[in-house]
Amino acid sequence: TRCVLGDDLVSSLLDRLYTTIDQRI
């Protein structure tokens, strides 16, 4: 039915996105 991302991958993805998604911009 779909691809499910693992918890470790989600955690790693979140850590990086928190640095690139710039609220000021």
mmCIF file of all heavy atoms, coordinates in Angstrom:
data_MODEL
# 
_entry.id   MODEL 
# 
loop_
_atom_site.group_PDB 
_atom_site.id 
_atom_site.type_symbol 
_atom_site.label_atom_id 
_atom_site.label_alt_id 
_atom_site.label_comp_id 
_atom_site.label_asym_id 
_atom_site.label_entity_id 
_atom_site.label_seq_id 
_atom_site.pdbx_PDB_ins_code 
_atom_site.Cartn_x 
_atom_site.Cartn_y 
_atom_site.Cartn_z 
_atom_site.occupancy 
_atom_site.B_iso_or_equiv 
_atom_site.pdbx_formal_charge 
_atom_site.auth_seq_id 
_atom_site.auth_comp_id 
_atom_site.auth_asym_id 
_atom_site.auth_atom_id 
_atom_site.pdbx_PDB_model_num 
ATOM 1   N N   . THR A 1 1  ? 0.801  -1.231 0.000  1.00 0.00 ? 1  THR A N   1 
ATOM 2   C CA  . THR A 1 1  ? 0.000  0.000  0.000  1.00 0.00 ? 1  THR A CA  1 
ATOM 3   C C   . THR A 1 1  ? 0.832  1.279  0.000  1.00 0.00 ? 1  THR A C   1 
ATOM 4   O O   . THR A 1 1  ? 0.377  2.300  -0.471 1.00 0.00 ? 1  THR A O   1 
ATOM 5   C CB  . THR A 1 1  ? -0.934 0.028  1.223  1.00 0.00 ? 1  THR A CB  1 
ATOM 6   O OG1 . THR A 1 1  ? -0.153 -0.101 2.428  1.00 0.00 ? 1  THR A OG1 1 
ATOM 7   C CG2 . THR A 1 1  ? -1.943 -1.103 1.146  1.00 0.00 ? 1  THR A CG2 1 
ATOM 8   N N   . ARG A 1 2  ? 2.099  1.234  0.516  1.00 0.00 ? 2  ARG A N   1 
ATOM 9   C CA  . ARG A 1 2  ? 2.897  2.456  0.558  1.00 0.00 ? 2  ARG A CA  1 
ATOM 10  C C   . ARG A 1 2  ? 4.291  2.172  1.098  1.00 0.00 ? 2  ARG A C   1 
ATOM 11  O O   . ARG A 1 2  ? 4.580  1.060  1.548  1.00 0.00 ? 2  ARG A O   1 
ATOM 12  C CB  . ARG A 1 2  ? 2.228  3.528  1.427  1.00 0.00 ? 2  ARG A CB  1 
ATOM 13  C CG  . ARG A 1 2  ? 2.101  3.179  2.897  1.00 0.00 ? 2  ARG A CG  1 
ATOM 14  C CD  . ARG A 1 2  ? 1.251  4.187  3.627  1.00 0.00 ? 2  ARG A CD  1 
ATOM 15  N NE  . ARG A 1 2  ? 1.064  3.840  5.028  1.00 0.00 ? 2  ARG A NE  1 
ATOM 16  C CZ  . ARG A 1 2  ? 1.579  4.501  6.057  1.00 0.00 ? 2  ARG A CZ  1 
ATOM 17  N NH1 . ARG A 1 2  ? 2.320  5.568  5.836  1.00 0.00 ? 2  ARG A NH1 1 
ATOM 18  N NH2 . ARG A 1 2  ? 1.349  4.129  7.292  1.00 0.00 ? 2  ARG A NH2 1 
ATOM 19  N N   . CYS A 1 3  ? 5.112  3.224  1.074  1.00 0.00 ? 3  CYS A N   1 
ATOM 20  C CA  . CYS A 1 3  ? 6.446  3.169  1.674  1.00 0.00 ? 3  CYS A CA  1 
ATOM 21  C C   . CYS A 1 3  ? 6.385  3.857  3.034  1.00 0.00 ? 3  CYS A C   1 
ATOM 22  O O   . CYS A 1 3  ? 5.906  4.993  3.151  1.00 0.00 ? 3  CYS A O   1 
ATOM 23  C CB  . CYS A 1 3  ? 7.465  3.882  0.782  1.00 0.00 ? 3  CYS A CB  1 
ATOM 24  S SG  . CYS A 1 3  ? 9.122  3.998  1.493  1.00 0.00 ? 3  CYS A SG  1 
ATOM 25  N N   . VAL A 1 4  ? 6.869  3.162  4.066  1.00 0.00 ? 4  VAL A N   1 
ATOM 26  C CA  . VAL A 1 4  ? 6.862  3.701  5.427  1.00 0.00 ? 4  VAL A CA  1 
ATOM 27  C C   . VAL A 1 4  ? 8.296  4.017  5.842  1.00 0.00 ? 4  VAL A C   1 
ATOM 28  O O   . VAL A 1 4  ? 9.170  3.137  5.794  1.00 0.00 ? 4  VAL A O   1 
ATOM 29  C CB  . VAL A 1 4  ? 6.239  2.694  6.423  1.00 0.00 ? 4  VAL A CB  1 
ATOM 30  C CG1 . VAL A 1 4  ? 6.257  3.271  7.833  1.00 0.00 ? 4  VAL A CG1 1 
ATOM 31  C CG2 . VAL A 1 4  ? 4.811  2.354  5.989  1.00 0.00 ? 4  VAL A CG2 1 
ATOM 32  N N   . LEU A 1 5  ? 8.552  5.256  6.217  1.00 0.00 ? 5  LEU A N   1 
ATOM 33  C CA  . LEU A 1 5  ? 9.887  5.668  6.646  1.00 0.00 ? 5  LEU A CA  1 
ATOM 34  C C   . LEU A 1 5  ? 10.138 5.201  8.071  1.00 0.00 ? 5  LEU A C   1 
ATOM 35  O O   . LEU A 1 5  ? 9.270  5.325  8.937  1.00 0.00 ? 5  LEU A O   1 
ATOM 36  C CB  . LEU A 1 5  ? 10.030 7.193  6.567  1.00 0.00 ? 5  LEU A CB  1 
ATOM 37  C CG  . LEU A 1 5  ? 9.742  7.838  5.204  1.00 0.00 ? 5  LEU A CG  1 
ATOM 38  C CD1 . LEU A 1 5  ? 9.896  9.345  5.292  1.00 0.00 ? 5  LEU A CD1 1 
ATOM 39  C CD2 . LEU A 1 5  ? 10.658 7.269  4.138  1.00 0.00 ? 5  LEU A CD2 1 
ATOM 40  N N   . GLY A 1 6  ? 11.327 4.674  8.341  1.00 0.00 ? 6  GLY A N   1 
ATOM 41  C CA  . GLY A 1 6  ? 11.680 4.219  9.673  1.00 0.00 ? 6  GLY A CA  1 
ATOM 42  C C   . GLY A 1 6  ? 11.911 5.372  10.638 1.00 0.00 ? 6  GLY A C   1 
ATOM 43  O O   . GLY A 1 6  ? 12.178 6.505  10.228 1.00 0.00 ? 6  GLY A O   1 
ATOM 44  N N   . ASP A 1 7  ? 11.827 5.090  11.928 1.00 0.00 ? 7  ASP A N   1 
ATOM 45  C CA  . ASP A 1 7  ? 11.965 6.134  12.953 1.00 0.00 ? 7  ASP A CA  1 
ATOM 46  C C   . ASP A 1 7  ? 13.326 6.819  12.893 1.00 0.00 ? 7  ASP A C   1 
ATOM 47  O O   . ASP A 1 7  ? 13.424 8.042  13.042 1.00 0.00 ? 7  ASP A O   1 
ATOM 48  C CB  . ASP A 1 7  ? 11.751 5.530  14.347 1.00 0.00 ? 7  ASP A CB  1 
ATOM 49  C CG  . ASP A 1 7  ? 10.308 5.110  14.584 1.00 0.00 ? 7  ASP A CG  1 
ATOM 50  O OD1 . ASP A 1 7  ? 9.437  5.569  13.818 1.00 0.00 ? 7  ASP A OD1 1 
ATOM 51  O OD2 . ASP A 1 7  ? 10.057 4.326  15.515 1.00 0.00 ? 7  ASP A OD2 1 
ATOM 52  N N   . ASP A 1 8  ? 14.386 6.047  12.688 1.00 0.00 ? 8  ASP A N   1 
ATOM 53  C CA  . ASP A 1 8  ? 15.726 6.639  12.632 1.00 0.00 ? 8  ASP A CA  1 
ATOM 54  C C   . ASP A 1 8  ? 15.870 7.563  11.430 1.00 0.00 ? 8  ASP A C   1 
ATOM 55  O O   . ASP A 1 8  ? 16.487 8.631  11.522 1.00 0.00 ? 8  ASP A O   1 
ATOM 56  C CB  . ASP A 1 8  ? 16.793 5.536  12.586 1.00 0.00 ? 8  ASP A CB  1 
ATOM 57  C CG  . ASP A 1 8  ? 16.918 4.787  13.893 1.00 0.00 ? 8  ASP A CG  1 
ATOM 58  O OD1 . ASP A 1 8  ? 16.438 5.310  14.927 1.00 0.00 ? 8  ASP A OD1 1 
ATOM 59  O OD2 . ASP A 1 8  ? 17.489 3.683  13.894 1.00 0.00 ? 8  ASP A OD2 1 
ATOM 60  N N   . LEU A 1 9  ? 15.298 7.154  10.302 1.00 0.00 ? 9  LEU A N   1 
ATOM 61  C CA  . LEU A 1 9  ? 15.361 7.994  9.108  1.00 0.00 ? 9  LEU A CA  1 
ATOM 62  C C   . LEU A 1 9  ? 14.560 9.280  9.310  1.00 0.00 ? 9  LEU A C   1 
ATOM 63  O O   . LEU A 1 9  ? 15.023 10.368 8.946  1.00 0.00 ? 9  LEU A O   1 
ATOM 64  C CB  . LEU A 1 9  ? 14.825 7.229  7.904  1.00 0.00 ? 9  LEU A CB  1 
ATOM 65  C CG  . LEU A 1 9  ? 14.764 8.008  6.576  1.00 0.00 ? 9  LEU A CG  1 
ATOM 66  C CD1 . LEU A 1 9  ? 16.117 8.579  6.201  1.00 0.00 ? 9  LEU A CD1 1 
ATOM 67  C CD2 . LEU A 1 9  ? 14.212 7.120  5.465  1.00 0.00 ? 9  LEU A CD2 1 
ATOM 68  N N   . VAL A 1 10 ? 13.381 9.167  9.898  1.00 0.00 ? 10 VAL A N   1 
ATOM 69  C CA  . VAL A 1 10 ? 12.570 10.357 10.176 1.00 0.00 ? 10 VAL A CA  1 
ATOM 70  C C   . VAL A 1 10 ? 13.313 11.303 11.117 1.00 0.00 ? 10 VAL A C   1 
ATOM 71  O O   . VAL A 1 10 ? 13.324 12.522 10.913 1.00 0.00 ? 10 VAL A O   1 
ATOM 72  C CB  . VAL A 1 10 ? 11.204 9.953  10.775 1.00 0.00 ? 10 VAL A CB  1 
ATOM 73  C CG1 . VAL A 1 10 ? 10.467 11.174 11.311 1.00 0.00 ? 10 VAL A CG1 1 
ATOM 74  C CG2 . VAL A 1 10 ? 10.350 9.253  9.728  1.00 0.00 ? 10 VAL A CG2 1 
ATOM 75  N N   . SER A 1 11 ? 13.963 10.751 12.123 1.00 0.00 ? 11 SER A N   1 
ATOM 76  C CA  . SER A 1 11 ? 14.720 11.567 13.068 1.00 0.00 ? 11 SER A CA  1 
ATOM 77  C C   . SER A 1 11 ? 15.866 12.293 12.376 1.00 0.00 ? 11 SER A C   1 
ATOM 78  O O   . SER A 1 11 ? 16.087 13.491 12.592 1.00 0.00 ? 11 SER A O   1 
ATOM 79  C CB  . SER A 1 11 ? 15.257 10.687 14.204 1.00 0.00 ? 11 SER A CB  1 
ATOM 80  O OG  . SER A 1 11 ? 16.011 11.450 15.103 1.00 0.00 ? 11 SER A OG  1 
ATOM 81  N N   . SER A 1 12 ? 16.595 11.575 11.520 1.00 0.00 ? 12 SER A N   1 
ATOM 82  C CA  . SER A 1 12 ? 17.698 12.189 10.781 1.00 0.00 ? 12 SER A CA  1 
ATOM 83  C C   . SER A 1 12 ? 17.193 13.256 9.826  1.00 0.00 ? 12 SER A C   1 
ATOM 84  O O   . SER A 1 12 ? 17.790 14.342 9.691  1.00 0.00 ? 12 SER A O   1 
ATOM 85  C CB  . SER A 1 12 ? 18.463 11.110 10.014 1.00 0.00 ? 12 SER A CB  1 
ATOM 86  O OG  . SER A 1 12 ? 19.491 11.663 9.239  1.00 0.00 ? 12 SER A OG  1 
ATOM 87  N N   . LEU A 1 13 ? 16.079 12.976 9.169  1.00 0.00 ? 13 LEU A N   1 
ATOM 88  C CA  . LEU A 1 13 ? 15.477 13.929 8.238  1.00 0.00 ? 13 LEU A CA  1 
ATOM 89  C C   . LEU A 1 13 ? 15.034 15.193 8.977  1.00 0.00 ? 13 LEU A C   1 
ATOM 90  O O   . LEU A 1 13 ? 15.286 16.317 8.516  1.00 0.00 ? 13 LEU A O   1 
ATOM 91  C CB  . LEU A 1 13 ? 14.299 13.261 7.539  1.00 0.00 ? 13 LEU A CB  1 
ATOM 92  C CG  . LEU A 1 13 ? 13.627 13.982 6.372  1.00 0.00 ? 13 LEU A CG  1 
ATOM 93  C CD1 . LEU A 1 13 ? 14.636 14.308 5.276  1.00 0.00 ? 13 LEU A CD1 1 
ATOM 94  C CD2 . LEU A 1 13 ? 12.486 13.134 5.814  1.00 0.00 ? 13 LEU A CD2 1 
ATOM 95  N N   . LEU A 1 14 ? 14.397 15.010 10.127 1.00 0.00 ? 14 LEU A N   1 
ATOM 96  C CA  . LEU A 1 14 ? 13.949 16.156 10.916 1.00 0.00 ? 14 LEU A CA  1 
ATOM 97  C C   . LEU A 1 14 ? 15.122 17.033 11.358 1.00 0.00 ? 14 LEU A C   1 
ATOM 98  O O   . LEU A 1 14 ? 15.060 18.264 11.280 1.00 0.00 ? 14 LEU A O   1 
ATOM 99  C CB  . LEU A 1 14 ? 13.180 15.688 12.147 1.00 0.00 ? 14 LEU A CB  1 
ATOM 100 C CG  . LEU A 1 14 ? 11.693 15.384 11.970 1.00 0.00 ? 14 LEU A CG  1 
ATOM 101 C CD1 . LEU A 1 14 ? 11.125 14.764 13.232 1.00 0.00 ? 14 LEU A CD1 1 
ATOM 102 C CD2 . LEU A 1 14 ? 10.922 16.649 11.611 1.00 0.00 ? 14 LEU A CD2 1 
ATOM 103 N N   . ASP A 1 15 ? 16.191 16.392 11.833 1.00 0.00 ? 15 ASP A N   1 
ATOM 104 C CA  . ASP A 1 15 ? 17.357 17.157 12.292 1.00 0.00 ? 15 ASP A CA  1 
ATOM 105 C C   . ASP A 1 15 ? 17.880 18.068 11.193 1.00 0.00 ? 15 ASP A C   1 
ATOM 106 O O   . ASP A 1 15 ? 18.251 19.223 11.441 1.00 0.00 ? 15 ASP A O   1 
ATOM 107 C CB  . ASP A 1 15 ? 18.462 16.201 12.752 1.00 0.00 ? 15 ASP A CB  1 
ATOM 108 C CG  . ASP A 1 15 ? 18.153 15.533 14.077 1.00 0.00 ? 15 ASP A CG  1 
ATOM 109 O OD1 . ASP A 1 15 ? 17.258 16.030 14.792 1.00 0.00 ? 15 ASP A OD1 1 
ATOM 110 O OD2 . ASP A 1 15 ? 18.797 14.521 14.399 1.00 0.00 ? 15 ASP A OD2 1 
ATOM 111 N N   . ARG A 1 16 ? 17.916 17.564 9.983  1.00 0.00 ? 16 ARG A N   1 
ATOM 112 C CA  . ARG A 1 16 ? 18.434 18.364 8.867  1.00 0.00 ? 16 ARG A CA  1 
ATOM 113 C C   . ARG A 1 16 ? 17.441 19.427 8.417  1.00 0.00 ? 16 ARG A C   1 
ATOM 114 O O   . ARG A 1 16 ? 17.827 20.554 8.087  1.00 0.00 ? 16 ARG A O   1 
ATOM 115 C CB  . ARG A 1 16 ? 18.798 17.453 7.699  1.00 0.00 ? 16 ARG A CB  1 
ATOM 116 C CG  . ARG A 1 16 ? 19.889 16.434 8.029  1.00 0.00 ? 16 ARG A CG  1 
ATOM 117 C CD  . ARG A 1 16 ? 20.442 15.798 6.775  1.00 0.00 ? 16 ARG A CD  1 
ATOM 118 N NE  . ARG A 1 16 ? 21.322 14.678 7.074  1.00 0.00 ? 16 ARG A NE  1 
ATOM 119 C CZ  . ARG A 1 16 ? 22.191 14.165 6.215  1.00 0.00 ? 16 ARG A CZ  1 
ATOM 120 N NH1 . ARG A 1 16 ? 22.287 14.673 4.993  1.00 0.00 ? 16 ARG A NH1 1 
ATOM 121 N NH2 . ARG A 1 16 ? 22.955 13.140 6.540  1.00 0.00 ? 16 ARG A NH2 1 
ATOM 122 N N   . LEU A 1 17 ? 16.159 19.072 8.379  1.00 0.00 ? 17 LEU A N   1 
ATOM 123 C CA  . LEU A 1 17 ? 15.152 20.029 7.925  1.00 0.00 ? 17 LEU A CA  1 
ATOM 124 C C   . LEU A 1 17 ? 15.005 21.198 8.894  1.00 0.00 ? 17 LEU A C   1 
ATOM 125 O O   . LEU A 1 17 ? 14.698 22.322 8.470  1.00 0.00 ? 17 LEU A O   1 
ATOM 126 C CB  . LEU A 1 17 ? 13.804 19.329 7.735  1.00 0.00 ? 17 LEU A CB  1 
ATOM 127 C CG  . LEU A 1 17 ? 13.715 18.359 6.558  1.00 0.00 ? 17 LEU A CG  1 
ATOM 128 C CD1 . LEU A 1 17 ? 12.413 17.580 6.588  1.00 0.00 ? 17 LEU A CD1 1 
ATOM 129 C CD2 . LEU A 1 17 ? 13.867 19.088 5.224  1.00 0.00 ? 17 LEU A CD2 1 
ATOM 130 N N   . TYR A 1 18 ? 15.219 20.945 10.171 1.00 0.00 ? 18 TYR A N   1 
ATOM 131 C CA  . TYR A 1 18 ? 15.154 22.038 11.142 1.00 0.00 ? 18 TYR A CA  1 
ATOM 132 C C   . TYR A 1 18 ? 16.210 23.099 10.870 1.00 0.00 ? 18 TYR A C   1 
ATOM 133 O O   . TYR A 1 18 ? 16.052 24.255 11.257 1.00 0.00 ? 18 TYR A O   1 
ATOM 134 C CB  . TYR A 1 18 ? 15.313 21.497 12.558 1.00 0.00 ? 18 TYR A CB  1 
ATOM 135 C CG  . TYR A 1 18 ? 14.064 20.834 13.105 1.00 0.00 ? 18 TYR A CG  1 
ATOM 136 C CD1 . TYR A 1 18 ? 14.149 19.739 13.955 1.00 0.00 ? 18 TYR A CD1 1 
ATOM 137 C CD2 . TYR A 1 18 ? 12.794 21.305 12.780 1.00 0.00 ? 18 TYR A CD2 1 
ATOM 138 C CE1 . TYR A 1 18 ? 13.006 19.118 14.458 1.00 0.00 ? 18 TYR A CE1 1 
ATOM 139 C CE2 . TYR A 1 18 ? 11.652 20.700 13.271 1.00 0.00 ? 18 TYR A CE2 1 
ATOM 140 C CZ  . TYR A 1 18 ? 11.762 19.605 14.112 1.00 0.00 ? 18 TYR A CZ  1 
ATOM 141 O OH  . TYR A 1 18 ? 10.635 19.001 14.597 1.00 0.00 ? 18 TYR A OH  1 
ATOM 142 N N   . THR A 1 19 ? 17.300 22.714 10.211 1.00 0.00 ? 19 THR A N   1 
ATOM 143 C CA  . THR A 1 19 ? 18.356 23.691 9.896  1.00 0.00 ? 19 THR A CA  1 
ATOM 144 C C   . THR A 1 19 ? 18.139 24.360 8.546  1.00 0.00 ? 19 THR A C   1 
ATOM 145 O O   . THR A 1 19 ? 18.654 25.459 8.313  1.00 0.00 ? 19 THR A O   1 
ATOM 146 C CB  . THR A 1 19 ? 19.744 23.022 9.905  1.00 0.00 ? 19 THR A CB  1 
ATOM 147 O OG1 . THR A 1 19 ? 19.815 22.066 8.839  1.00 0.00 ? 19 THR A OG1 1 
ATOM 148 C CG2 . THR A 1 19 ? 20.011 22.323 11.228 1.00 0.00 ? 19 THR A CG2 1 
ATOM 149 N N   . THR A 1 20 ? 17.386 23.720 7.640  1.00 0.00 ? 20 THR A N   1 
ATOM 150 C CA  . THR A 1 20 ? 17.212 24.290 6.296  1.00 0.00 ? 20 THR A CA  1 
ATOM 151 C C   . THR A 1 20 ? 15.895 25.041 6.122  1.00 0.00 ? 20 THR A C   1 
ATOM 152 O O   . THR A 1 20 ? 15.816 25.958 5.295  1.00 0.00 ? 20 THR A O   1 
ATOM 153 C CB  . THR A 1 20 ? 17.308 23.189 5.221  1.00 0.00 ? 20 THR A CB  1 
ATOM 154 O OG1 . THR A 1 20 ? 16.327 22.168 5.485  1.00 0.00 ? 20 THR A OG1 1 
ATOM 155 C CG2 . THR A 1 20 ? 18.691 22.568 5.204  1.00 0.00 ? 20 THR A CG2 1 
ATOM 156 N N   . ILE A 1 21 ? 14.850 24.654 6.839  1.00 0.00 ? 21 ILE A N   1 
ATOM 157 C CA  . ILE A 1 21 ? 13.579 25.384 6.742  1.00 0.00 ? 21 ILE A CA  1 
ATOM 158 C C   . ILE A 1 21 ? 13.714 26.652 7.585  1.00 0.00 ? 21 ILE A C   1 
ATOM 159 O O   . ILE A 1 21 ? 13.682 26.614 8.807  1.00 0.00 ? 21 ILE A O   1 
ATOM 160 C CB  . ILE A 1 21 ? 12.398 24.522 7.210  1.00 0.00 ? 21 ILE A CB  1 
ATOM 161 C CG1 . ILE A 1 21 ? 12.212 23.323 6.274  1.00 0.00 ? 21 ILE A CG1 1 
ATOM 162 C CG2 . ILE A 1 21 ? 11.105 25.351 7.248  1.00 0.00 ? 21 ILE A CG2 1 
ATOM 163 C CD1 . ILE A 1 21 ? 11.082 22.389 6.649  1.00 0.00 ? 21 ILE A CD1 1 
ATOM 164 N N   . ASP A 1 22 ? 13.892 27.754 6.907  1.00 0.00 ? 22 ASP A N   1 
ATOM 165 C CA  . ASP A 1 22 ? 14.218 29.032 7.545  1.00 0.00 ? 22 ASP A CA  1 
ATOM 166 C C   . ASP A 1 22 ? 12.953 29.890 7.662  1.00 0.00 ? 22 ASP A C   1 
ATOM 167 O O   . ASP A 1 22 ? 12.474 30.442 6.662  1.00 0.00 ? 22 ASP A O   1 
ATOM 168 C CB  . ASP A 1 22 ? 15.284 29.749 6.724  1.00 0.00 ? 22 ASP A CB  1 
ATOM 169 C CG  . ASP A 1 22 ? 15.894 30.940 7.451  1.00 0.00 ? 22 ASP A CG  1 
ATOM 170 O OD1 . ASP A 1 22 ? 15.189 31.556 8.283  1.00 0.00 ? 22 ASP A OD1 1 
ATOM 171 O OD2 . ASP A 1 22 ? 17.070 31.248 7.204  1.00 0.00 ? 22 ASP A OD2 1 
ATOM 172 N N   . GLN A 1 23 ? 12.444 30.014 8.883  1.00 0.00 ? 23 GLN A N   1 
ATOM 173 C CA  . GLN A 1 23 ? 11.216 30.772 9.090  1.00 0.00 ? 23 GLN A CA  1 
ATOM 174 C C   . GLN A 1 23 ? 11.381 32.242 8.732  1.00 0.00 ? 23 GLN A C   1 
ATOM 175 O O   . GLN A 1 23 ? 10.439 32.894 8.279  1.00 0.00 ? 23 GLN A O   1 
ATOM 176 C CB  . GLN A 1 23 ? 10.762 30.639 10.543 1.00 0.00 ? 23 GLN A CB  1 
ATOM 177 C CG  . GLN A 1 23 ? 9.364  31.196 10.809 1.00 0.00 ? 23 GLN A CG  1 
ATOM 178 C CD  . GLN A 1 23 ? 8.268  30.399 10.111 1.00 0.00 ? 23 GLN A CD  1 
ATOM 179 O OE1 . GLN A 1 23 ? 8.266  29.172 10.154 1.00 0.00 ? 23 GLN A OE1 1 
ATOM 180 N NE2 . GLN A 1 23 ? 7.348  31.094 9.451  1.00 0.00 ? 23 GLN A NE2 1 
ATOM 181 N N   . ARG A 1 24 ? 12.576 32.771 8.906  1.00 0.00 ? 24 ARG A N   1 
ATOM 182 C CA  . ARG A 1 24 ? 12.791 34.189 8.584  1.00 0.00 ? 24 ARG A CA  1 
ATOM 183 C C   . ARG A 1 24 ? 12.586 34.453 7.094  1.00 0.00 ? 24 ARG A C   1 
ATOM 184 O O   . ARG A 1 24 ? 12.012 35.485 6.715  1.00 0.00 ? 24 ARG A O   1 
ATOM 185 C CB  . ARG A 1 24 ? 14.203 34.606 9.006  1.00 0.00 ? 24 ARG A CB  1 
ATOM 186 C CG  . ARG A 1 24 ? 14.428 34.625 10.517 1.00 0.00 ? 24 ARG A CG  1 
ATOM 187 C CD  . ARG A 1 24 ? 15.884 34.844 10.823 1.00 0.00 ? 24 ARG A CD  1 
ATOM 188 N NE  . ARG A 1 24 ? 16.708 33.761 10.262 1.00 0.00 ? 24 ARG A NE  1 
ATOM 189 C CZ  . ARG A 1 24 ? 18.037 33.745 10.306 1.00 0.00 ? 24 ARG A CZ  1 
ATOM 190 N NH1 . ARG A 1 24 ? 18.690 34.741 10.852 1.00 0.00 ? 24 ARG A NH1 1 
ATOM 191 N NH2 . ARG A 1 24 ? 18.714 32.729 9.794  1.00 0.00 ? 24 ARG A NH2 1 
ATOM 192 N N   . ILE A 1 25 ? 13.072 33.548 6.253  1.00 0.00 ? 25 ILE A N   1 
ATOM 193 C CA  . ILE A 1 25 ? 12.892 33.722 4.808  1.00 0.00 ? 25 ILE A CA  1 
ATOM 194 C C   . ILE A 1 25 ? 11.418 33.596 4.445  1.00 0.00 ? 25 ILE A C   1 
ATOM 195 O O   . ILE A 1 25 ? 10.892 34.370 3.632  1.00 0.00 ? 25 ILE A O   1 
ATOM 196 C CB  . ILE A 1 25 ? 13.743 32.693 4.043  1.00 0.00 ? 25 ILE A CB  1 
ATOM 197 C CG1 . ILE A 1 25 ? 15.227 33.019 4.208  1.00 0.00 ? 25 ILE A CG1 1 
ATOM 198 C CG2 . ILE A 1 25 ? 13.361 32.665 2.561  1.00 0.00 ? 25 ILE A CG2 1 
ATOM 199 C CD1 . ILE A 1 25 ? 16.155 32.014 3.557  1.00 0.00 ? 25 ILE A CD1 1 
# 
